[in-house]
Amino acid sequence: MTTTMVISPLMRRRLANFRANKRGFWALIVFAIIFVLSLGAELIANDKPLVVRHEDQFYFPVLFTYPETTFGGILKGPTNYRDPTVEELIDSAGWQVWPLIPFSYATIDREIPTSVPSPPSRRHWLGTDDVARDVAARVIYGFRLSVLFGFTLTIASSIIGVTVGAVQGYFGGRIDLVGQRLVEIWAGLPVLFLLILLSSLVDPSAPMLLLLLMLFSWMALVAVVRAEFLRTRNFDYVRASRALGVSNFDIIRQDVLPNAMVATLTFLPFLLNGSITTLTALDFLGFGLPAGSPSLGELLAQGKANLHSPWLGLSGFFTLLLLLTLLIFVGEAVRDAFDPRRSATGLDTP
């Protein structure tokens, strides 16, 4: 027995509205392709071979760590595959396949014939930064880090914001009044200065930075969710549920929240944009991720400090421009999809 997923006419209309926005639809496809490729950054840019065949045995250095003695060396520590001696040992009894970019985001190229930052070349497609690290590799890893960090911050902030807005809007009265005053006070704080101050007091790390940004980013959705709950809580079906003795939690989860999520979903791409921009700004100012992390903001800061090396700033700028532009287009398409005033033809037939 096979089960088929039935798509409601409303959802079919929303999907059709989303596809009707060609710019947003193709932006989503392009973003998805780039993001999926960035998830496999270790297979695209790495200072370890993808596959090594040595003495009729296959090895996968990207996935596993092998001592140098495995390939006939004398050291028992992890193998440095960029060492000319190790390369000669491997090539003498087998072969190796390198990634498209044979450098990781932290690999320092000590064989550059020119001073650093070095300009784009066949060896380094986008040049190197001021410590001889490959810019193309840092762009790929930085893109992935920015998107994953933005996704995590957006989801966590949305959960907090929806919860606070739902409690205020559903119960109203003193709870709503006190909640509104607290949100207004919290929103009136100088966020950027507080983030800089708090970042300078703690050890820099991605989890700590995520926690600090969550302290302020959740407020973006509170007003929207609160307004939807204030509007929906007086509907007849909500009153009927109360009369039947349904608990407040079940009413919020089953009856009110689905209506509020329509407005919330239209904001998510723009919240993701804001999360990525905030991370980039903090990294640019030096109060973001730890030093050495593959950050687009740190790449922009290097471009500012090395104006004679324009490839640094331009690489970070165009990567950030592409990322934010795609997300803006996707957000516009999502907004059109959930807009009840828009209608799509040919959706009334099952």
Protein backbone atom coordinates (compact mmCIF):
# COMPACT_ATOMS: atom_id res chain seq x y z
CA MET A 1 0.00 0.00 0.00
CA THR A 2 1.49 3.31 -1.04
CA THR A 3 0.69 6.66 0.47
CA THR A 4 0.80 9.86 -1.54
CA MET A 5 1.28 13.32 -0.12
CA VAL A 6 -1.72 15.51 -0.85
CA ILE A 7 -0.93 19.17 -1.40
CA SER A 8 -3.75 21.51 -0.47
CA PRO A 9 -5.01 24.04 -3.02
CA LEU A 10 -3.68 26.85 -0.82
CA MET A 11 -0.19 25.38 -0.79
CA ARG A 12 -0.33 24.77 -4.54
CA ARG A 13 -1.25 28.42 -5.03
CA ARG A 14 1.68 29.51 -2.86
CA LEU A 15 4.11 27.30 -4.74
CA ALA A 16 2.82 28.64 -8.03
CA ASN A 17 3.21 32.22 -6.80
CA PHE A 18 6.77 31.44 -5.74
CA ARG A 19 7.63 29.93 -9.14
CA ALA A 20 5.96 32.88 -10.86
CA ASN A 21 8.63 35.11 -9.39
CA LYS A 22 11.32 33.96 -11.82
CA ARG A 23 14.05 36.03 -10.23
CA GLY A 24 13.45 34.58 -6.78
CA PHE A 25 12.94 31.05 -8.08
CA TRP A 26 16.24 30.97 -9.96
CA ALA A 27 17.98 32.77 -7.10
CA LEU A 28 16.93 29.91 -4.82
CA ILE A 29 18.31 27.35 -7.27
CA VAL A 30 21.62 29.19 -7.64
CA PHE A 31 21.92 29.67 -3.87
CA ALA A 32 21.14 25.99 -3.23
CA ILE A 33 23.78 24.85 -5.74
CA ILE A 34 26.47 27.14 -4.29
CA PHE A 35 25.59 26.20 -0.72
CA VAL A 36 25.64 22.45 -1.43
CA LEU A 37 29.02 22.83 -3.13
CA SER A 38 30.34 24.79 -0.14
CA LEU A 39 29.26 21.98 2.19
CA GLY A 40 31.85 19.86 0.41
CA ALA A 41 34.54 22.52 0.70
CA GLU A 42 37.06 19.95 1.92
CA LEU A 43 36.68 18.15 -1.41
CA ILE A 44 37.22 21.37 -3.41
CA ALA A 45 39.95 23.18 -1.46
CA ASN A 46 42.26 21.17 0.76
CA ASP A 47 45.95 20.70 1.47
CA LYS A 48 45.47 16.93 1.52
CA PRO A 49 44.96 14.63 -1.50
CA LEU A 50 41.53 13.21 -2.11
CA VAL A 51 42.85 9.74 -2.91
CA VAL A 52 46.30 8.21 -2.54
CA ARG A 53 47.33 4.88 -4.03
CA HIS A 54 50.56 3.61 -2.49
CA GLU A 55 51.92 0.08 -2.88
CA ASP A 56 48.58 -1.22 -4.21
CA GLN A 57 46.67 0.25 -1.23
CA PHE A 58 44.14 3.07 -1.35
CA TYR A 59 44.16 5.85 1.23
CA PHE A 60 41.77 8.77 1.77
CA PRO A 61 43.64 11.57 3.57
CA VAL A 62 40.64 13.92 3.45
CA LEU A 63 38.67 11.53 5.64
CA PHE A 64 41.37 9.84 7.71
CA THR A 65 44.72 10.77 9.26
CA TYR A 66 47.72 8.64 8.35
CA PRO A 67 51.25 8.78 9.83
CA GLU A 68 54.14 9.50 7.53
CA THR A 69 55.46 5.98 8.10
CA THR A 70 52.49 4.66 6.10
CA PHE A 71 54.12 6.03 2.94
CA GLY A 72 57.70 5.10 3.83
CA GLY A 73 58.62 8.18 5.85
CA ILE A 74 60.37 8.31 9.20
CA LEU A 75 57.95 10.47 11.22
CA LYS A 76 55.10 8.92 13.22
CA GLY A 77 53.04 12.10 13.27
CA PRO A 78 50.38 13.19 10.75
CA THR A 79 51.61 13.32 7.18
CA ASN A 80 52.41 16.66 5.59
CA TYR A 81 51.40 15.89 2.02
CA ARG A 82 52.86 19.15 0.73
CA ASP A 83 56.34 18.12 1.83
CA PRO A 84 58.41 17.43 -1.33
CA THR A 85 59.91 14.35 0.34
CA VAL A 86 56.49 12.88 1.05
CA GLU A 87 55.29 13.66 -2.48
CA GLU A 88 58.32 11.87 -3.89
CA LEU A 89 57.71 8.83 -1.66
CA ILE A 90 54.07 8.60 -2.75
CA ASP A 91 54.79 9.14 -6.46
CA SER A 92 57.56 6.55 -6.44
CA ALA A 93 55.17 3.76 -5.45
CA GLY A 94 51.78 5.03 -6.59
CA TRP A 95 49.85 8.20 -7.34
CA GLN A 96 47.67 10.82 -5.70
CA VAL A 97 44.67 12.94 -6.72
CA TRP A 98 44.56 16.49 -5.38
CA PRO A 99 41.47 18.73 -5.00
CA LEU A 100 40.76 21.47 -7.51
CA ILE A 101 42.38 23.97 -5.13
CA PRO A 102 45.33 22.29 -3.33
CA PHE A 103 45.12 24.66 -0.36
CA SER A 104 42.89 24.79 2.70
CA TYR A 105 41.70 28.04 4.25
CA ALA A 106 44.55 27.99 6.80
CA THR A 107 47.32 26.65 4.56
CA ILE A 108 50.32 28.98 4.33
CA ASP A 109 52.07 28.72 0.97
CA ARG A 110 55.80 29.05 1.65
CA GLU A 111 56.75 28.62 -1.99
CA ILE A 112 55.35 31.90 -3.37
CA PRO A 113 58.00 33.55 -5.55
CA THR A 114 56.66 37.07 -4.87
CA SER A 115 55.87 39.06 -1.76
CA VAL A 116 52.52 38.72 -0.05
CA PRO A 117 49.75 39.54 -0.65
CA SER A 118 50.46 37.98 -4.04
CA PRO A 119 48.24 38.75 -7.07
CA PRO A 120 46.01 36.17 -8.79
CA SER A 121 47.91 33.51 -10.71
CA ARG A 122 47.54 29.96 -11.99
CA ARG A 123 48.68 28.73 -8.57
CA HIS A 124 46.31 30.99 -6.61
CA TRP A 125 43.26 31.93 -8.67
CA LEU A 126 42.28 34.87 -6.44
CA GLY A 127 45.72 35.56 -5.06
CA THR A 128 46.84 35.24 -1.43
CA ASP A 129 46.28 37.33 1.66
CA ASP A 130 48.91 39.01 3.80
CA VAL A 131 49.99 35.72 5.41
CA ALA A 132 50.19 33.73 2.14
CA ARG A 133 46.85 31.92 2.49
CA ASP A 134 44.85 31.15 -0.64
CA VAL A 135 42.00 33.64 -1.05
CA ALA A 136 39.82 31.31 -3.16
CA ALA A 137 39.91 28.66 -0.44
CA ARG A 138 39.05 31.22 2.24
CA VAL A 139 36.13 32.51 0.14
CA ILE A 140 34.67 29.00 -0.20
CA TYR A 141 35.03 28.18 3.49
CA GLY A 142 33.92 31.68 4.47
CA PHE A 143 30.75 31.38 2.39
CA ARG A 144 29.87 28.13 4.15
CA LEU A 145 30.64 29.50 7.59
CA SER A 146 28.58 32.65 7.02
CA VAL A 147 25.53 30.75 5.77
CA LEU A 148 25.63 28.09 8.50
CA PHE A 149 26.14 30.72 11.19
CA GLY A 150 23.30 32.79 9.73
CA PHE A 151 20.97 29.78 9.56
CA THR A 152 21.68 28.84 13.18
CA LEU A 153 21.23 32.39 14.45
CA THR A 154 18.03 32.90 12.44
CA ILE A 155 16.43 29.66 13.65
CA ALA A 156 17.35 30.25 17.30
CA SER A 157 16.24 33.88 17.20
CA SER A 158 12.98 32.94 15.48
CA ILE A 159 12.14 30.40 18.18
CA ILE A 160 12.69 32.96 20.94
CA GLY A 161 10.94 35.78 19.09
CA VAL A 162 7.90 33.69 18.16
CA THR A 163 7.59 32.40 21.73
CA VAL A 164 7.75 35.88 23.29
CA GLY A 165 5.38 37.37 20.72
CA ALA A 166 2.93 34.49 21.09
CA VAL A 167 2.76 34.81 24.88
CA GLN A 168 2.25 38.59 24.68
CA GLY A 169 -0.34 38.48 21.92
CA TYR A 170 -2.38 35.54 23.17
CA PHE A 171 -2.70 36.44 26.85
CA GLY A 172 -2.65 40.23 26.46
CA GLY A 173 -3.43 42.37 29.50
CA ARG A 174 -0.65 42.90 32.01
CA ILE A 175 1.52 40.22 30.44
CA ASP A 176 1.43 42.07 27.13
CA LEU A 177 1.96 45.45 28.81
CA VAL A 178 4.99 44.33 30.85
CA GLY A 179 6.39 42.40 27.91
CA GLN A 180 6.11 45.38 25.58
CA ARG A 181 7.89 47.68 28.04
CA LEU A 182 10.73 45.16 28.51
CA VAL A 183 11.10 44.70 24.76
CA GLU A 184 11.16 48.46 24.20
CA ILE A 185 13.85 48.91 26.86
CA TRP A 186 15.91 46.04 25.46
CA ALA A 187 15.52 47.35 21.90
CA GLY A 188 16.64 50.82 22.98
CA LEU A 189 20.07 49.60 24.08
CA PRO A 190 23.07 50.42 21.83
CA VAL A 191 23.35 46.95 20.36
CA LEU A 192 26.57 47.36 18.39
CA PHE A 193 28.47 48.93 21.29
CA LEU A 194 27.24 46.24 23.69
CA LEU A 195 28.26 43.49 21.27
CA ILE A 196 31.72 45.01 20.91
CA LEU A 197 32.03 45.35 24.69
CA LEU A 198 30.85 41.82 25.43
CA SER A 199 33.00 40.35 22.64
CA SER A 200 36.08 41.98 24.14
CA LEU A 201 35.33 40.50 27.59
CA VAL A 202 35.04 36.84 26.56
CA ASP A 203 37.23 34.47 24.60
CA PRO A 204 36.29 34.67 20.92
CA SER A 205 34.54 31.55 19.64
CA ALA A 206 31.67 30.77 17.31
CA PRO A 207 29.30 29.45 20.05
CA MET A 208 29.98 32.46 22.29
CA LEU A 209 29.45 34.91 19.41
CA LEU A 210 26.23 33.11 18.49
CA LEU A 211 25.00 33.43 22.07
CA LEU A 212 25.83 37.14 22.19
CA LEU A 213 24.01 37.86 18.93
CA MET A 214 20.98 35.87 20.09
CA LEU A 215 20.58 38.29 23.01
CA PHE A 216 19.42 40.99 20.61
CA SER A 217 18.39 39.40 17.30
CA TRP A 218 15.19 37.77 18.62
CA MET A 219 13.34 41.11 18.89
CA ALA A 220 12.81 41.39 15.12
CA LEU A 221 9.87 38.97 15.11
CA VAL A 222 8.18 39.85 18.39
CA ALA A 223 6.04 42.71 17.04
CA VAL A 224 4.92 40.73 13.97
CA VAL A 225 3.94 37.61 15.91
CA ARG A 226 2.29 39.63 18.67
CA ALA A 227 0.12 41.50 16.15
CA GLU A 228 -0.97 38.25 14.48
CA PHE A 229 -1.88 36.67 17.82
CA LEU A 230 -3.82 39.76 18.91
CA ARG A 231 -5.79 39.57 15.68
CA THR A 232 -6.36 35.81 15.67
CA ARG A 233 -7.17 35.16 19.32
CA ASN A 234 -10.68 36.62 18.94
CA PHE A 235 -11.67 34.50 15.95
CA ASP A 236 -14.72 32.29 16.37
CA TYR A 237 -12.86 28.99 16.13
CA VAL A 238 -10.46 30.09 18.87
CA ARG A 239 -13.38 31.02 21.13
CA ALA A 240 -15.00 27.68 20.35
CA SER A 241 -11.84 25.85 21.40
CA ARG A 242 -11.80 27.76 24.68
CA ALA A 243 -15.45 26.91 25.28
CA LEU A 244 -14.69 23.23 24.74
CA GLY A 245 -12.01 23.35 27.43
CA VAL A 246 -8.97 23.04 25.17
CA SER A 247 -5.78 24.09 26.94
CA ASN A 248 -4.11 27.37 26.05
CA PHE A 249 -1.00 25.56 24.83
CA ASP A 250 -3.02 23.42 22.41
CA ILE A 251 -4.96 26.45 21.16
CA ILE A 252 -1.75 28.36 20.51
CA ARG A 253 -0.11 25.39 18.80
CA GLN A 254 -3.02 24.20 16.68
CA ASP A 255 -5.23 27.22 16.03
CA VAL A 256 -3.29 30.48 16.35
CA LEU A 257 0.34 29.70 15.56
CA PRO A 258 -0.24 28.42 11.97
CA ASN A 259 -1.76 31.79 11.03
CA ALA A 260 1.07 33.73 12.66
CA MET A 261 3.71 31.61 10.90
CA VAL A 262 2.64 32.99 7.50
CA ALA A 263 3.90 36.45 8.42
CA THR A 264 6.92 34.95 10.18
CA LEU A 265 8.08 32.92 7.19
CA THR A 266 8.13 35.99 4.95
CA PHE A 267 10.62 37.60 7.33
CA LEU A 268 13.05 34.67 7.62
CA PRO A 269 15.14 35.31 4.46
CA PHE A 270 15.61 38.93 5.51
CA LEU A 271 16.52 37.87 9.05
CA LEU A 272 19.10 35.53 7.55
CA ASN A 273 20.47 38.45 5.56
CA GLY A 274 20.74 40.53 8.71
CA SER A 275 22.48 37.73 10.61
CA ILE A 276 25.13 37.33 7.92
CA THR A 277 25.64 41.09 7.68
CA THR A 278 26.06 41.39 11.46
CA LEU A 279 28.64 38.59 11.53
CA THR A 280 30.54 40.20 8.66
CA ALA A 281 30.50 43.61 10.36
CA LEU A 282 31.84 42.24 13.65
CA ASP A 283 34.57 40.29 11.84
CA PHE A 284 35.48 43.41 9.89
CA LEU A 285 35.85 45.36 13.13
CA GLY A 286 37.88 42.57 14.74
CA PHE A 287 35.28 41.57 17.36
CA GLY A 288 33.86 38.51 15.62
CA LEU A 289 35.18 35.01 15.08
CA PRO A 290 38.63 33.97 16.33
CA ALA A 291 41.65 35.11 14.31
CA GLY A 292 42.37 32.81 11.38
CA SER A 293 38.75 31.78 10.84
CA PRO A 294 37.62 31.80 7.20
CA SER A 295 35.55 34.96 7.47
CA LEU A 296 34.33 37.26 4.74
CA GLY A 297 34.52 40.19 7.15
CA GLU A 298 38.16 39.43 7.92
CA LEU A 299 38.86 39.31 4.18
CA LEU A 300 37.27 42.74 3.77
CA ALA A 301 39.40 44.03 6.64
CA GLN A 302 42.51 42.74 4.90
CA GLY A 303 41.42 44.53 1.73
CA LYS A 304 41.09 47.76 3.71
CA ALA A 305 44.55 47.30 5.22
CA ASN A 306 46.11 46.41 1.84
CA LEU A 307 44.69 48.89 -0.64
CA HIS A 308 47.52 48.05 -3.03
CA SER A 309 46.08 44.50 -3.25
CA PRO A 310 42.54 45.10 -4.56
CA TRP A 311 41.83 41.40 -5.10
CA LEU A 312 41.41 40.95 -1.34
CA GLY A 313 38.62 43.47 -0.89
CA LEU A 314 36.99 42.71 -4.22
CA SER A 315 36.87 38.95 -3.52
CA GLY A 316 35.13 39.46 -0.20
CA PHE A 317 32.87 42.21 -1.55
CA PHE A 318 31.56 40.30 -4.57
CA THR A 319 31.08 37.11 -2.55
CA LEU A 320 29.04 38.99 0.04
CA LEU A 321 27.18 40.86 -2.71
CA LEU A 322 26.21 37.62 -4.45
CA LEU A 323 25.13 35.97 -1.20
CA LEU A 324 22.98 38.84 0.04
CA THR A 325 21.48 39.51 -3.39
CA LEU A 326 20.36 35.91 -3.81
CA LEU A 327 18.79 35.89 -0.35
CA ILE A 328 16.96 39.17 -1.03
CA PHE A 329 15.51 37.76 -4.26
CA VAL A 330 14.45 34.57 -2.45
CA GLY A 331 12.85 36.67 0.28
CA GLU A 332 10.83 38.63 -2.27
CA ALA A 333 9.60 35.38 -3.83
CA VAL A 334 8.60 34.00 -0.42
CA ARG A 335 6.74 37.23 0.32
CA ASP A 336 4.86 36.93 -2.97
CA ALA A 337 4.05 33.29 -2.26
CA PHE A 338 2.33 34.09 1.04
CA ASP A 339 0.64 37.27 -0.17
CA PRO A 340 -3.14 36.55 -0.13
CA ARG A 341 -3.76 39.36 -2.62
CA ARG A 342 -1.87 37.52 -5.33
CA SER A 343 -3.70 34.87 -7.32
CA ALA A 344 -2.37 32.25 -9.65
CA THR A 345 -4.31 30.87 -12.57
CA GLY A 346 -5.06 27.25 -13.09
CA LEU A 347 -4.94 26.24 -9.42
CA ASP A 348 -8.55 25.63 -8.66
CA THR A 349 -8.63 22.28 -10.37
CA PRO A 350 -7.34 19.33 -8.32
